[in-house]
Amino acid sequence: MIAQTFRRSRIMIVDDEPAMVRLLEQLLERAGYTHLRSTTDPREVPTHYREFRPDLIMLDLRMPHLDGVQVLERLKRETSGEIYLPVLVLTADAAPEAKRRALAAGASDFVTKPFDRIELLLRVDNLLAMRFLHRELRRQNEDLEAQVRERTHQLLETEKLATMGNLLAGVAHELNSPLSVILGHVALFAASASDDGTRARAQDIGRAAERCVRIVRSFLTMARRHPPERGHVSVNQILKDAVELLAYELRVANIEVHFDLPDDLPRVWADGHQLQQVAVNLIANAKQAMLEVPTPRRLDLVARYDDPNRSVHVEIADTGRGIPPEIQARIFEPFFTTKSDGEGTGLGLALTRGIIEGHGGAIRVESRPGDGARFHIELPVGTAPLIGEAPGPLDEAPPVPGKTILVVDDEPGVASILAEALTRDGYMVDTAPNGAVALEKLGAQTYDLIISDSGMPVVSGPELYREVERREPRLARRFVFVTGDILNPRTREFLERIGAPRLEKPFTLENVKRVVRRALLAQ
């Protein structure tokens, strides 16, 4: 196989003696080399090289007009980007100085005239083998470079996701405590409101705060920091609601919306708010794309059930300008956008992919320039877990008045709202701004339950727990942690290991009351 490859090689012969050229041609042809080109004028070598692109040059050293060394020097300009091009010098001059000059100019090997036929062919084969080894090495290097570029791209993508995750987690951390305070005050205010109008306004504020909570959790899901909050969801209704939210913008843009949604489509076990965010993102992007093309403009929303795979297939298609093939693989990358500065952050489709994959699904795009874009989404139907579907007797039990609770949190607003809510339920509540103060209070009186933030200055929540476990093992079994969505791996591992109940910020007062009842009654 290798020999056959060599025989297909192109060999150029340069010698001012026609008889020598004919002899070399005959030797090479008898050995199976058929792609040959010859010249007796060394001045023609650059032109022949450009036209013939040889794999090997057989070059006489002593010639009129230009000698072999001068030919080699001219070839350097032609072969600057070439991989290893072997030059076999044929010479009657065996002087060391002649060989030195030829080697310095780029010669690969020598055959002294008169030459032995077998030796000549062996040297030709060896030089061609070296040529093909260099070619294969370059191919492998190019493959490796391509792999490095791909791995580098993947690494950058991972770093982008990590950076985005840390950024979003930091933002969420800053929002979770004030959102907990807002939700708590809304619940207390609504419960004590004197008229329906005031109560309705409080509920409006609560719904707005809950929307902020859903947005924060959607970002955290994309950053793999928060699991979806699932329930039985109608995909048909999700798509219709998303269109309703954007109805005015779609109407102003003269976009016709067509639904193809079967009535018997099964519900999926998913986070409805997150799926609605996916639909809104894709529909808003479709509207934006269609603004750049003339009417008619059409948006198609299709849903089908894939029975063998137990999944729902959703298509959202537009008649916009389409997505160029060269960027289709990048549109789901964080921070990648083709929009002008100030018009897009490059997070919409990244968020969409994060939500879909967080539900165990997949998303892809199909598009040709000038023929719109069609997004395909696969969502597993899934099933609700058997555990925790229905509230247990401890969840429905009334408060346990008279119990003493210590609330430990460095956020005064959070500590205050927890204390007020629990006091209204008949508990006696004390507060501490950190674990150190909490330990001082534990030394002065007894408590039936501790509710502690996990991340605090001076003495953290885990450090407080370990000290309580050492001093009062009974009380350690009545320890509730309050956490943000941002848990570093060490804290997460600690909470999972001890199995203590926890409240995630932003929490509702109803959740607080339920967790407290369970902690007090389950011991």
Protein backbone atom coordinates (compact mmCIF):
# COMPACT_ATOMS: atom_id res chain seq x y z
CA MET A 1 0.00 0.00 0.00
CA ILE A 2 2.83 2.38 0.93
CA ALA A 3 4.72 1.48 -2.26
CA GLN A 4 1.62 2.22 -4.34
CA THR A 5 1.32 5.58 -2.63
CA PHE A 6 4.94 6.36 -3.44
CA ARG A 7 4.43 5.41 -7.11
CA ARG A 8 1.71 8.05 -7.40
CA SER A 9 4.22 10.70 -6.26
CA ARG A 10 5.20 13.52 -8.58
CA ILE A 11 8.94 13.73 -9.32
CA MET A 12 10.65 16.59 -11.11
CA ILE A 13 14.04 16.03 -12.82
CA VAL A 14 16.39 18.98 -13.37
CA ASP A 15 19.56 18.28 -15.35
CA ASP A 16 21.19 20.15 -18.22
CA GLU A 17 22.16 16.89 -19.97
CA PRO A 18 19.23 15.46 -22.02
CA ALA A 19 20.76 11.98 -21.95
CA MET A 20 20.86 12.00 -18.14
CA VAL A 21 17.23 13.20 -18.03
CA ARG A 22 16.12 10.32 -20.28
CA LEU A 23 18.08 7.80 -18.19
CA LEU A 24 16.49 8.99 -14.96
CA GLU A 25 13.02 8.96 -16.54
CA GLN A 26 13.49 5.36 -17.70
CA LEU A 27 14.75 4.20 -14.31
CA LEU A 28 11.85 5.82 -12.49
CA GLU A 29 9.22 4.59 -14.95
CA ARG A 30 10.48 1.02 -14.69
CA ALA A 31 10.21 1.33 -10.88
CA GLY A 32 6.57 2.37 -11.27
CA TYR A 33 6.84 6.14 -11.05
CA THR A 34 4.70 7.61 -13.82
CA HIS A 35 4.09 11.21 -12.71
CA LEU A 36 7.27 12.82 -13.97
CA ARG A 37 8.28 16.22 -15.29
CA SER A 38 11.73 17.14 -16.58
CA THR A 39 13.64 20.24 -17.65
CA THR A 40 17.16 20.90 -18.89
CA ASP A 41 16.95 24.63 -18.15
CA PRO A 42 17.36 25.41 -14.43
CA ARG A 43 15.82 28.85 -14.94
CA GLU A 44 12.45 27.15 -15.56
CA VAL A 45 12.41 25.37 -12.19
CA PRO A 46 10.22 27.93 -10.32
CA THR A 47 7.60 27.88 -13.08
CA HIS A 48 7.56 24.07 -13.26
CA TYR A 49 7.31 23.89 -9.47
CA ARG A 50 4.22 26.13 -9.39
CA GLU A 51 2.53 24.15 -12.16
CA PHE A 52 3.55 20.61 -11.18
CA ARG A 53 3.86 20.77 -7.37
CA PRO A 54 6.36 17.90 -7.09
CA ASP A 55 6.80 15.59 -4.10
CA LEU A 56 10.52 15.16 -4.89
CA ILE A 57 13.06 17.10 -6.96
CA MET A 58 16.11 15.39 -8.50
CA LEU A 59 18.59 18.20 -9.10
CA ASP A 60 21.97 18.31 -10.86
CA LEU A 61 24.49 20.41 -9.01
CA ARG A 62 26.60 21.74 -11.91
CA MET A 63 24.56 23.42 -14.68
CA PRO A 64 24.89 26.50 -16.88
CA HIS A 65 22.94 29.71 -16.20
CA LEU A 66 22.13 28.58 -12.64
CA ASP A 67 23.86 25.93 -10.59
CA GLY A 68 22.02 23.62 -8.19
CA VAL A 69 22.69 25.82 -5.15
CA GLN A 70 21.19 28.87 -6.91
CA VAL A 71 18.15 26.81 -7.93
CA LEU A 72 17.67 25.76 -4.30
CA GLU A 73 17.87 29.38 -3.14
CA ARG A 74 15.19 30.40 -5.67
CA LEU A 75 13.01 27.47 -4.62
CA LYS A 76 13.05 28.68 -1.02
CA ARG A 77 10.86 31.63 -2.04
CA GLU A 78 8.37 29.28 -3.69
CA THR A 79 8.28 26.67 -0.92
CA SER A 80 8.10 28.90 2.16
CA GLY A 81 4.69 27.51 3.18
CA GLU A 82 5.38 23.98 1.97
CA ILE A 83 5.83 20.97 4.22
CA TYR A 84 9.05 19.01 3.86
CA LEU A 85 9.99 18.95 0.12
CA PRO A 86 12.95 16.56 -0.43
CA VAL A 87 15.64 17.48 -2.95
CA LEU A 88 17.99 14.69 -4.13
CA VAL A 89 21.17 16.24 -5.52
CA LEU A 90 22.93 14.42 -8.37
CA THR A 91 26.55 15.46 -8.69
CA ALA A 92 29.91 14.32 -9.91
CA ASP A 93 31.50 16.72 -7.45
CA ALA A 94 32.03 14.77 -4.21
CA ALA A 95 34.04 17.57 -2.56
CA PRO A 96 32.94 18.31 1.03
CA GLU A 97 32.59 22.03 0.28
CA ALA A 98 30.11 21.35 -2.55
CA LYS A 99 28.00 19.14 -0.29
CA ARG A 100 28.14 21.70 2.50
CA ARG A 101 26.88 24.49 0.21
CA ALA A 102 24.09 22.28 -1.11
CA LEU A 103 22.96 21.18 2.35
CA ALA A 104 23.00 24.78 3.57
CA ALA A 105 20.81 25.74 0.60
CA GLY A 106 18.23 23.02 1.38
CA ALA A 107 19.35 19.76 -0.21
CA SER A 108 18.10 16.56 1.48
CA ASP A 109 20.45 13.85 0.14
CA PHE A 110 23.19 13.17 -2.43
CA VAL A 111 23.87 10.61 -5.12
CA THR A 112 27.26 10.76 -6.75
CA LYS A 113 27.54 10.27 -10.50
CA PRO A 114 27.94 7.71 -11.83
CA PHE A 115 25.34 6.19 -9.54
CA ASP A 116 24.10 2.73 -8.73
CA ARG A 117 20.50 2.19 -9.95
CA ILE A 118 19.36 0.34 -6.82
CA GLU A 119 20.96 2.90 -4.50
CA LEU A 120 19.27 5.72 -6.42
CA LEU A 121 15.81 4.15 -6.17
CA LEU A 122 16.27 3.36 -2.47
CA ARG A 123 17.17 6.99 -1.80
CA VAL A 124 14.13 8.14 -3.79
CA ASP A 125 11.88 5.80 -1.79
CA ASN A 126 13.38 6.93 1.51
CA LEU A 127 12.98 10.62 0.69
CA LEU A 128 9.36 10.11 -0.41
CA ALA A 129 8.68 8.13 2.76
CA MET A 130 9.98 11.09 4.75
CA ARG A 131 7.81 13.43 2.68
CA PHE A 132 4.67 11.43 3.43
CA LEU A 133 5.57 11.09 7.09
CA HIS A 134 5.83 14.88 7.28
CA ARG A 135 2.50 15.20 5.49
CA GLU A 136 0.85 12.75 7.91
CA LEU A 137 2.44 14.55 10.83
CA ARG A 138 1.01 17.85 9.61
CA ARG A 139 -2.43 16.26 9.23
CA GLN A 140 -2.25 14.88 12.76
CA ASN A 141 -1.06 18.25 14.05
CA GLU A 142 -3.97 19.96 12.34
CA ASP A 143 -6.35 17.41 13.88
CA LEU A 144 -4.80 18.00 17.29
CA GLU A 145 -5.01 21.76 16.84
CA ALA A 146 -8.67 21.40 15.89
CA GLN A 147 -9.25 19.29 19.01
CA VAL A 148 -7.41 21.85 21.12
CA ARG A 149 -9.55 24.63 19.65
CA GLU A 150 -12.68 22.61 20.37
CA ARG A 151 -11.57 21.78 23.92
CA THR A 152 -10.58 25.41 24.45
CA HIS A 153 -13.99 26.48 23.22
CA GLN A 154 -15.64 24.00 25.57
CA LEU A 155 -13.46 25.24 28.43
CA LEU A 156 -14.35 28.85 27.68
CA GLU A 157 -18.01 27.83 27.51
CA THR A 158 -17.67 26.15 30.89
CA GLU A 159 -15.90 29.18 32.31
CA LYS A 160 -18.62 31.43 30.91
CA LEU A 161 -21.28 29.29 32.54
CA ALA A 162 -19.34 29.27 35.79
CA THR A 163 -18.86 33.03 35.64
CA MET A 164 -22.50 33.56 34.80
CA GLY A 165 -23.54 31.14 37.52
CA ASN A 166 -21.45 32.97 40.11
CA LEU A 167 -22.76 36.32 38.90
CA LEU A 168 -26.39 35.22 38.99
CA ALA A 169 -25.89 33.44 42.29
CA GLY A 170 -24.44 36.62 43.79
CA VAL A 171 -27.35 38.69 42.50
CA ALA A 172 -29.83 36.11 43.78
CA HIS A 173 -28.12 36.08 47.18
CA GLU A 174 -28.56 39.84 47.45
CA LEU A 175 -32.22 39.61 46.39
CA ASN A 176 -33.32 36.64 48.47
CA SER A 177 -33.27 38.31 51.88
CA PRO A 178 -35.22 41.45 50.86
CA LEU A 179 -37.67 39.28 48.92
CA SER A 180 -38.22 37.19 52.05
CA VAL A 181 -38.90 40.36 54.01
CA ILE A 182 -41.33 41.66 51.36
CA LEU A 183 -43.22 38.38 51.17
CA GLY A 184 -43.37 38.17 54.96
CA HIS A 185 -44.70 41.69 55.44
CA VAL A 186 -47.23 41.21 52.63
CA ALA A 187 -48.55 38.07 54.33
CA LEU A 188 -48.78 39.79 57.73
CA PHE A 189 -50.37 42.89 56.25
CA ALA A 190 -52.91 40.94 54.19
CA ALA A 191 -53.91 38.91 57.25
CA SER A 192 -54.62 42.05 59.29
CA ALA A 193 -56.04 44.26 56.51
CA SER A 194 -59.29 45.94 57.51
CA ASP A 195 -60.93 46.06 54.07
CA ASP A 196 -60.96 44.15 50.79
CA GLY A 197 -59.28 46.94 48.79
CA THR A 198 -56.24 47.03 51.08
CA ARG A 199 -56.06 43.28 51.10
CA ALA A 200 -56.19 43.19 47.29
CA ARG A 201 -53.33 45.70 47.05
CA ALA A 202 -51.25 43.63 49.43
CA GLN A 203 -51.93 40.56 47.29
CA ASP A 204 -50.83 42.48 44.17
CA ILE A 205 -47.55 43.34 45.89
CA GLY A 206 -47.16 39.71 46.91
CA ARG A 207 -47.71 38.48 43.35
CA ALA A 208 -45.11 40.93 42.05
CA ALA A 209 -42.63 39.73 44.66
CA GLU A 210 -43.39 36.11 43.79
CA ARG A 211 -42.71 36.91 40.14
CA CYS A 212 -39.30 38.23 41.18
CA VAL A 213 -38.74 34.99 43.11
CA ARG A 214 -39.56 32.93 40.00
CA ILE A 215 -37.17 35.00 37.87
CA VAL A 216 -34.38 34.56 40.40
CA ARG A 217 -34.98 30.82 40.56
CA SER A 218 -35.06 30.58 36.77
CA PHE A 219 -31.62 32.15 36.62
CA LEU A 220 -30.39 29.84 39.35
CA THR A 221 -31.77 26.85 37.45
CA MET A 222 -29.84 27.93 34.38
CA ALA A 223 -26.73 28.20 36.55
CA ARG A 224 -27.54 24.74 38.00
CA ARG A 225 -28.06 26.24 41.47
CA HIS A 226 -31.76 25.57 42.00
CA PRO A 227 -33.98 22.65 41.00
CA PRO A 228 -37.24 23.31 39.11
CA GLU A 229 -40.41 23.51 41.23
CA ARG A 230 -42.57 21.02 39.42
CA GLY A 231 -46.22 20.30 39.03
CA HIS A 232 -48.59 18.94 36.37
CA VAL A 233 -48.40 21.51 33.56
CA SER A 234 -50.37 21.92 30.33
CA VAL A 235 -47.96 22.75 27.51
CA ASN A 236 -50.89 23.98 25.42
CA GLN A 237 -51.83 26.48 28.10
CA ILE A 238 -48.20 27.55 28.54
CA LEU A 239 -47.97 28.42 24.82
CA LYS A 240 -51.31 30.22 24.79
CA ASP A 241 -50.44 32.23 27.90
CA ALA A 242 -47.06 33.22 26.40
CA VAL A 243 -48.76 34.47 23.25
CA GLU A 244 -51.29 36.35 25.38
CA LEU A 245 -48.48 38.09 27.26
CA LEU A 246 -46.98 39.27 23.96
CA ALA A 247 -50.30 39.76 22.16
CA TYR A 248 -49.98 43.52 21.81
CA GLU A 249 -46.41 43.37 20.43
CA LEU A 250 -47.34 40.60 17.98
CA ARG A 251 -50.39 42.50 16.79
CA VAL A 252 -48.47 45.76 16.27
CA ALA A 253 -45.84 43.82 14.28
CA ASN A 254 -48.58 42.37 12.01
CA ILE A 255 -47.69 38.80 12.94
CA GLU A 256 -50.30 36.09 12.46
CA VAL A 257 -50.21 33.41 15.14
CA HIS A 258 -51.27 29.85 14.27
CA PHE A 259 -51.76 27.15 16.92
CA ASP A 260 -51.64 23.44 16.21
CA LEU A 261 -52.21 22.02 19.68
CA PRO A 262 -54.05 18.69 20.17
CA ASP A 263 -56.62 18.61 22.97
CA ASP A 264 -55.41 15.23 24.22
CA LEU A 265 -51.80 16.35 24.79
CA PRO A 266 -50.70 14.91 28.16
CA ARG A 267 -49.53 17.22 30.91
CA VAL A 268 -45.85 17.30 31.77
CA TRP A 269 -44.28 17.23 35.22
CA ALA A 270 -42.47 20.56 35.08
CA ASP A 271 -42.07 24.07 36.44
CA GLY A 272 -44.81 25.97 34.65
CA HIS A 273 -43.31 29.41 35.31
CA GLN A 274 -39.98 28.38 33.84
CA LEU A 275 -41.57 26.79 30.77
CA GLN A 276 -43.57 29.96 30.23
CA GLN A 277 -40.32 31.91 30.36
CA VAL A 278 -38.93 29.60 27.66
CA ALA A 279 -41.97 30.18 25.45
CA VAL A 280 -41.89 33.95 25.99
CA ASN A 281 -38.15 34.08 25.15
CA LEU A 282 -38.55 32.12 21.91
CA ILE A 283 -41.67 33.99 20.80
CA ALA A 284 -40.08 37.36 21.56
CA ASN A 285 -36.99 36.35 19.55
CA ALA A 286 -39.20 35.22 16.67
CA LYS A 287 -41.04 38.55 16.70
CA GLN A 288 -37.72 40.41 16.64
CA ALA A 289 -36.49 38.33 13.68
CA MET A 290 -39.67 38.93 11.68
CA LEU A 291 -39.49 42.71 12.08
CA GLU A 292 -36.65 42.63 9.55
CA VAL A 293 -38.72 41.01 6.78
CA PRO A 294 -41.80 42.29 4.94
CA THR A 295 -45.32 41.01 5.61
CA PRO A 296 -46.91 38.51 5.66
CA ARG A 297 -45.34 37.34 8.93
CA ARG A 298 -46.38 34.11 10.61
CA LEU A 299 -45.67 32.44 13.94
CA ASP A 300 -46.47 28.72 14.25
CA LEU A 301 -46.77 26.94 17.58
CA VAL A 302 -47.09 23.16 17.31
CA ALA A 303 -47.18 20.47 19.99
CA ARG A 304 -47.23 16.68 19.58
CA TYR A 305 -46.97 13.70 21.90
CA ASP A 306 -44.22 11.19 21.18
CA ASP A 307 -45.67 8.03 22.68
CA PRO A 308 -42.61 5.72 22.30
CA ASN A 309 -40.37 8.24 24.07
CA ARG A 310 -43.07 9.50 26.47
CA SER A 311 -42.23 13.08 25.62
CA VAL A 312 -43.94 16.20 24.32
CA HIS A 313 -42.44 17.74 21.19
CA VAL A 314 -42.92 21.50 20.77
CA GLU A 315 -42.08 23.56 17.69
CA ILE A 316 -41.96 27.35 17.58
CA ALA A 317 -41.38 28.55 14.02
CA ASP A 318 -41.20 31.99 12.41
CA THR A 319 -40.90 33.41 8.90
CA GLY A 320 -38.02 35.71 9.74
CA ARG A 321 -34.66 36.06 8.04
CA GLY A 322 -33.32 32.82 9.51
CA ILE A 323 -30.11 32.11 11.38
CA PRO A 324 -26.81 31.91 9.42
CA PRO A 325 -25.33 28.38 9.53
CA GLU A 326 -22.02 29.63 10.90
CA ILE A 327 -23.61 30.88 14.16
CA GLN A 328 -26.30 28.25 14.73
CA ALA A 329 -23.98 26.23 16.95
CA ARG A 330 -23.30 29.29 19.12
CA ILE A 331 -26.73 30.82 19.69
CA PHE A 332 -27.23 28.95 22.98
CA GLU A 333 -23.90 30.13 24.39
CA PRO A 334 -24.07 32.55 27.33
CA PHE A 335 -23.39 36.17 26.32
CA PHE A 336 -23.45 35.40 22.58
CA THR A 337 -25.70 37.80 20.70
CA THR A 338 -26.03 39.23 17.21
CA LYS A 339 -28.04 42.20 18.44
CA SER A 340 -26.66 45.71 18.68
CA ASP A 341 -25.25 47.02 21.93
CA GLY A 342 -28.03 47.71 24.38
CA GLU A 343 -30.55 45.47 22.58
CA GLY A 344 -29.58 42.09 23.99
CA THR A 345 -27.47 40.47 26.68
CA GLY A 346 -26.98 37.08 25.05
CA LEU A 347 -28.60 35.34 28.04
CA GLY A 348 -32.09 34.62 26.67
CA LEU A 349 -31.34 31.45 24.72
CA ALA A 350 -28.76 30.33 27.27
CA LEU A 351 -31.45 30.63 29.94
CA THR A 352 -33.87 28.77 27.69
CA ARG A 353 -31.45 25.90 27.18
CA GLY A 354 -30.67 25.77 30.90
CA ILE A 355 -34.35 25.49 31.80
CA ILE A 356 -35.08 22.80 29.20
CA GLU A 357 -32.05 20.72 30.14
CA GLY A 358 -32.88 21.22 33.82
CA HIS A 359 -36.14 19.40 33.05
CA GLY A 360 -34.29 16.54 31.36
CA GLY A 361 -35.22 17.78 27.90
CA ALA A 362 -33.40 19.06 24.82
CA ILE A 363 -33.63 22.01 22.46
CA ARG A 364 -32.25 22.51 18.97
CA VAL A 365 -32.71 24.91 16.08
CA GLU A 366 -33.37 24.27 12.42
CA SER A 367 -32.91 27.21 10.07
CA ARG A 368 -31.92 28.26 6.59
CA PRO A 369 -31.12 31.88 5.71
CA GLY A 370 -34.20 33.57 4.31
CA ASP A 371 -36.48 30.73 5.39
CA GLY A 372 -37.08 31.50 9.06
CA ALA A 373 -36.12 29.53 12.14
CA ARG A 374 -37.78 26.56 13.81
CA PHE A 375 -36.95 25.68 17.42
CA HIS A 376 -37.60 22.08 18.47
CA ILE A 377 -38.10 21.28 22.15
CA GLU A 378 -38.36 17.80 23.64
CA LEU A 379 -39.80 17.55 27.15
CA PRO A 380 -40.20 14.25 29.00
CA VAL A 381 -43.70 13.82 30.38
CA GLY A 382 -42.32 12.54 33.70
CA THR A 383 -44.30 11.55 36.76
CA ALA A 384 -44.87 13.16 40.11
CA PRO A 385 -42.87 11.63 42.98
CA LEU A 386 -44.81 9.38 45.30
CA ILE A 387 -43.27 10.97 48.38
CA GLY A 388 -44.54 14.32 49.53
CA GLU A 389 -47.53 14.59 47.16
CA ALA A 390 -50.10 15.09 49.90
CA PRO A 391 -49.61 17.08 53.08
CA GLY A 392 -49.12 14.95 56.16
CA PRO A 393 -50.79 15.33 59.57
CA LEU A 394 -47.87 17.37 60.90
CA ASP A 395 -48.34 19.91 58.11
CA GLU A 396 -52.01 20.35 59.00
CA ALA A 397 -51.44 20.53 62.75
CA PRO A 398 -52.03 23.87 64.53
CA PRO A 399 -49.18 25.91 66.03
CA VAL A 400 -47.63 24.76 69.31
CA PRO A 401 -48.01 27.91 71.47
CA GLY A 402 -45.82 28.46 74.49
CA LYS A 403 -42.69 27.06 72.88
CA THR A 404 -39.57 29.22 72.93
CA ILE A 405 -37.72 29.80 69.66
CA LEU A 406 -34.34 31.43 69.04
CA VAL A 407 -34.00 33.10 65.61
CA VAL A 408 -30.38 33.65 64.53
CA ASP A 409 -29.82 35.81 61.43
CA ASP A 410 -27.44 38.64 60.58
CA GLU A 411 -30.13 40.25 58.36
CA PRO A 412 -32.24 42.34 60.79
CA GLY A 413 -35.19 42.43 58.38
CA VAL A 414 -35.30 38.65 58.06
CA ALA A 415 -34.93 38.10 61.80
CA SER A 416 -37.65 40.67 62.50
CA ILE A 417 -40.22 39.20 60.10
CA LEU A 418 -39.60 35.67 61.40
CA ALA A 419 -39.97 36.83 64.98
CA GLU A 420 -43.20 38.73 64.29
CA ALA A 421 -44.78 35.88 62.33
CA LEU A 422 -43.94 33.27 64.94
CA THR A 423 -45.02 35.54 67.82
CA ARG A 424 -48.44 35.91 66.18
CA ASP A 425 -48.72 32.12 66.29
CA GLY A 426 -48.20 32.14 70.05
CA TYR A 427 -44.51 31.29 70.22
CA MET A 428 -42.06 33.10 72.47
CA VAL A 429 -39.29 34.34 70.20
CA ASP A 430 -35.81 35.66 70.89
CA THR A 431 -33.31 36.84 68.22
CA ALA A 432 -29.53 36.92 67.82
CA PRO A 433 -27.48 38.60 65.02
CA ASN A 434 -24.90 35.81 64.79
CA GLY A 435 -23.83 32.47 66.22
CA ALA A 436 -21.63 33.97 68.94
CA VAL A 437 -24.51 35.95 70.46
CA ALA A 438 -26.75 32.91 70.08
CA LEU A 439 -24.32 30.81 72.16
CA GLU A 440 -24.36 33.43 74.89
CA LYS A 441 -28.17 33.32 74.98
CA LEU A 442 -28.16 29.53 74.99
CA GLY A 443 -25.99 29.68 78.09
CA ALA A 444 -28.50 31.94 79.84
CA GLN A 445 -31.81 30.17 79.06
CA THR A 446 -33.31 27.14 77.34
CA TYR A 447 -35.03 27.04 73.97
CA ASP A 448 -37.29 24.52 72.28
CA LEU A 449 -36.16 25.31 68.72
CA ILE A 450 -33.41 27.21 66.90
CA ILE A 451 -33.89 28.80 63.46
CA SER A 452 -30.49 29.87 62.11
CA ASP A 453 -29.12 31.38 58.92
CA SER A 454 -26.33 29.25 57.44
CA GLY A 455 -23.96 32.03 56.42
CA MET A 456 -23.16 34.59 59.12
CA PRO A 457 -20.11 36.49 60.37
CA VAL A 458 -18.29 35.68 63.63
CA VAL A 459 -19.87 32.23 64.12
CA SER A 460 -21.63 30.65 61.13
CA GLY A 461 -24.73 28.48 61.17
CA PRO A 462 -22.81 25.17 60.80
CA GLU A 463 -20.41 26.21 63.54
CA LEU A 464 -23.33 27.09 65.81
CA TYR A 465 -24.95 23.72 65.08
CA ARG A 466 -21.81 21.78 65.95
CA GLU A 467 -21.49 23.62 69.27
CA VAL A 468 -25.17 23.06 70.09
CA GLU A 469 -24.76 19.38 69.19
CA ARG A 470 -21.87 19.16 71.64
CA ARG A 471 -23.68 21.02 74.45
CA GLU A 472 -27.31 19.92 73.97
CA PRO A 473 -27.81 17.00 71.57
CA ARG A 474 -31.59 17.20 72.19
CA LEU A 475 -31.74 20.76 70.88
CA ALA A 476 -29.58 19.89 67.86
CA ARG A 477 -32.47 17.70 66.70
CA ARG A 478 -34.65 20.82 66.73
CA PHE A 479 -32.44 22.97 64.55
CA VAL A 480 -33.81 24.59 61.36
CA PHE A 481 -31.47 26.20 58.85
CA VAL A 482 -32.37 29.22 56.74
CA THR A 483 -30.35 29.29 53.51
CA GLY A 484 -30.06 31.32 50.35
CA ASP A 485 -30.07 29.55 47.00
CA ILE A 486 -26.31 29.99 46.92
CA LEU A 487 -24.82 27.11 48.83
CA ASN A 488 -21.17 26.35 48.43
CA PRO A 489 -20.37 22.63 48.11
CA ARG A 490 -19.07 22.38 51.68
CA THR A 491 -22.23 23.89 53.17
CA ARG A 492 -24.47 21.80 50.92
CA GLU A 493 -22.67 18.61 51.92
CA PHE A 494 -22.96 19.56 55.60
CA LEU A 495 -26.73 20.16 55.43
CA GLU A 496 -27.33 16.94 53.51
CA ARG A 497 -25.22 14.98 55.99
CA ILE A 498 -26.94 16.17 59.16
CA GLY A 499 -30.42 16.01 57.59
CA ALA A 500 -31.68 19.10 59.44
CA PRO A 501 -34.82 20.77 58.05
CA ARG A 502 -34.18 23.97 56.13
CA LEU A 503 -35.99 26.98 54.73
CA GLU A 504 -34.76 28.39 51.44
CA LYS A 505 -34.82 32.12 50.91
CA PRO A 506 -36.98 33.70 49.73
CA PHE A 507 -39.49 31.85 51.89
CA THR A 508 -43.17 32.36 52.59
CA LEU A 509 -44.49 32.62 56.13
CA GLU A 510 -46.71 29.62 55.50
CA ASN A 511 -43.61 27.54 54.78
CA VAL A 512 -41.96 28.88 57.94
CA LYS A 513 -44.94 27.93 60.07
CA ARG A 514 -45.18 24.47 58.52
CA VAL A 515 -41.47 23.70 59.04
CA VAL A 516 -41.61 24.94 62.64
CA ARG A 517 -44.67 22.79 63.44
CA ARG A 518 -43.03 19.72 61.95
CA ALA A 519 -39.77 20.33 63.83
CA LEU A 520 -41.53 20.78 67.17
CA LEU A 521 -43.98 17.88 66.83
CA ALA A 522 -41.72 15.33 65.17
CA GLN A 523 -39.29 15.06 68.10
